[in-house]
C-alpha cells in the first residue's frame, strides 16, 4: 500500500512530460509557419528569377 501511495505522490516525471508537450507544440507551429511561408517564398523567387532573366 505504501508503494502505491509513494507512486501516486511522485511527480518527478511531470516536468519531462511538460517539456515534451511544449516541444511538440513548438514543432507543430513551426511546420505550419513554414508551410504558410512556402508559397510566398516560391512566388518571391519566381519574381526574382523573372527580373534577372529580363535583365539579360
Protein backbone atom coordinates (compact mmCIF):
# COMPACT_ATOMS: atom_id res chain seq x y z
CA UNK A 1 0.00 0.00 0.00
CA UNK A 2 2.85 2.38 0.74
CA UNK A 3 4.34 1.78 -2.67
CA UNK A 4 1.09 2.82 -4.33
CA UNK A 5 0.89 5.97 -2.22
CA UNK A 6 4.52 6.73 -2.98
CA UNK A 7 3.94 6.18 -6.70
CA UNK A 8 0.88 8.43 -6.77
CA UNK A 9 2.67 11.22 -4.92
CA UNK A 10 5.84 11.08 -7.05
CA UNK A 11 5.83 13.93 -9.57
CA UNK A 12 9.44 13.77 -10.76
CA UNK A 13 8.48 12.88 -14.34
CA UNK A 14 5.93 15.63 -14.85
CA UNK A 15 8.50 18.25 -15.84
CA UNK A 16 9.85 15.99 -18.57
CA UNK A 17 6.36 15.39 -19.92
CA UNK A 18 5.63 19.12 -19.88
CA UNK A 19 8.85 19.86 -21.79
CA UNK A 20 7.94 17.21 -24.37
CA UNK A 21 4.49 18.72 -24.81
CA UNK A 22 5.95 22.21 -25.24
CA UNK A 23 8.49 20.92 -27.77
CA UNK A 24 5.78 19.15 -29.76
CA UNK A 25 3.58 22.27 -29.81
CA UNK A 26 6.52 24.40 -30.99
CA UNK A 27 7.33 21.82 -33.67
CA UNK A 28 3.77 21.79 -34.99
CA UNK A 29 3.70 25.59 -35.03
CA UNK A 30 6.99 25.68 -36.94
CA UNK A 31 5.72 23.24 -39.56
CA UNK A 32 2.55 25.28 -40.04
CA UNK A 33 4.56 28.51 -40.33
CA UNK A 34 6.97 27.03 -42.86
CA UNK A 35 4.12 25.72 -44.96
CA UNK A 36 2.44 29.12 -44.93
CA UNK A 37 5.69 30.84 -45.91
CA UNK A 38 6.49 28.28 -48.58
CA UNK A 39 4.10 29.62 -51.20
CA UNK A 40 5.15 33.22 -50.65
CA UNK A 41 8.83 32.29 -50.89
CA UNK A 42 8.24 30.42 -54.14
CA UNK A 43 6.43 33.45 -55.50
CA UNK A 44 9.26 35.75 -54.40
CA UNK A 45 11.94 33.59 -56.03
CA UNK A 46 9.87 33.38 -59.22
CA UNK A 47 9.71 37.19 -59.34
CA UNK A 48 13.46 37.47 -58.77
CA UNK A 49 14.15 34.93 -61.49
CA UNK A 50 11.87 36.75 -63.91
CA UNK A 51 13.52 40.07 -63.13
CA UNK A 52 17.02 38.65 -63.57
CA UNK A 53 16.06 36.91 -66.83
CA UNK A 54 14.60 40.15 -68.16
CA UNK A 55 17.88 41.95 -67.45
CA UNK A 56 19.88 39.67 -69.77
